[in-house]
Amino acid sequence: MNKLHALKHLSGGDYVHTPKWWKDHVLYDQRYWWGEWILFWIALLVTVLVLAG
């Protein structure tokens, strides 16, 4: 599922109230959230290393 697809459903798509869609959406968000969290920590670590020099 891509972001555009998810946004379409979030904004009132046909499957908003479908349990399967909700389950897929939650799992998708969880994976995406973990990816963002990891990227955040990598960026933070690099910034600290650069500043500490």
Protein backbone atom coordinates (compact mmCIF):
# COMPACT_ATOMS: atom_id res chain seq x y z
CA MET A 1 0.00 0.00 0.00
CA ASN A 2 1.45 3.36 -0.95
CA LYS A 3 0.92 6.66 0.84
CA LEU A 4 -1.45 8.04 -1.79
CA HIS A 5 -3.63 4.94 -1.46
CA ALA A 6 -3.64 5.29 2.32
CA LEU A 7 -4.51 8.98 2.09
CA LYS A 8 -7.38 8.24 -0.27
CA HIS A 9 -8.84 5.85 2.29
CA LEU A 10 -8.17 8.21 5.20
CA SER A 11 -9.98 11.00 3.38
CA GLY A 12 -13.16 8.94 3.00
CA GLY A 13 -12.35 6.04 0.67
CA ASP A 14 -14.67 3.06 0.25
CA TYR A 15 -12.80 0.84 2.69
CA VAL A 16 -12.47 3.14 5.69
CA HIS A 17 -14.86 1.10 7.81
CA THR A 18 -13.60 -2.30 6.68
CA PRO A 19 -11.80 -4.20 9.45
CA LYS A 20 -9.32 -5.71 6.97
CA TRP A 21 -8.45 -2.26 5.68
CA TRP A 22 -8.02 -0.99 9.23
CA LYS A 23 -5.74 -3.90 10.08
CA ASP A 24 -3.66 -3.33 6.93
CA HIS A 25 -3.52 0.40 7.64
CA VAL A 26 -2.34 -0.07 11.23
CA LEU A 27 0.34 -2.56 10.16
CA TYR A 28 1.45 -0.21 7.36
CA ASP A 29 1.66 2.74 9.75
CA GLN A 30 3.63 0.68 12.25
CA ARG A 31 6.25 -0.27 9.64
CA TYR A 32 6.43 3.30 8.40
CA TRP A 33 6.74 4.66 11.93
CA TRP A 34 9.64 2.31 12.71
CA GLY A 35 11.41 3.40 9.52
CA GLU A 36 11.01 7.06 10.46
CA TRP A 37 12.23 6.42 14.04
CA ILE A 38 15.37 4.61 12.80
CA LEU A 39 16.14 7.38 10.30
CA PHE A 40 15.67 9.97 13.05
CA TRP A 41 18.19 8.26 15.34
CA ILE A 42 20.71 7.77 12.53
CA ALA A 43 20.45 11.47 11.64
CA LEU A 44 20.80 12.44 15.31
CA LEU A 45 23.85 10.21 15.74
CA VAL A 46 25.53 11.65 12.63
CA THR A 47 24.80 15.21 13.82
CA VAL A 48 26.31 14.52 17.25
CA LEU A 49 29.41 12.92 15.71
CA VAL A 50 29.88 15.88 13.35
CA LEU A 51 29.48 18.42 16.15
CA ALA A 52 31.79 16.46 18.46
CA GLY A 53 34.20 16.27 15.52
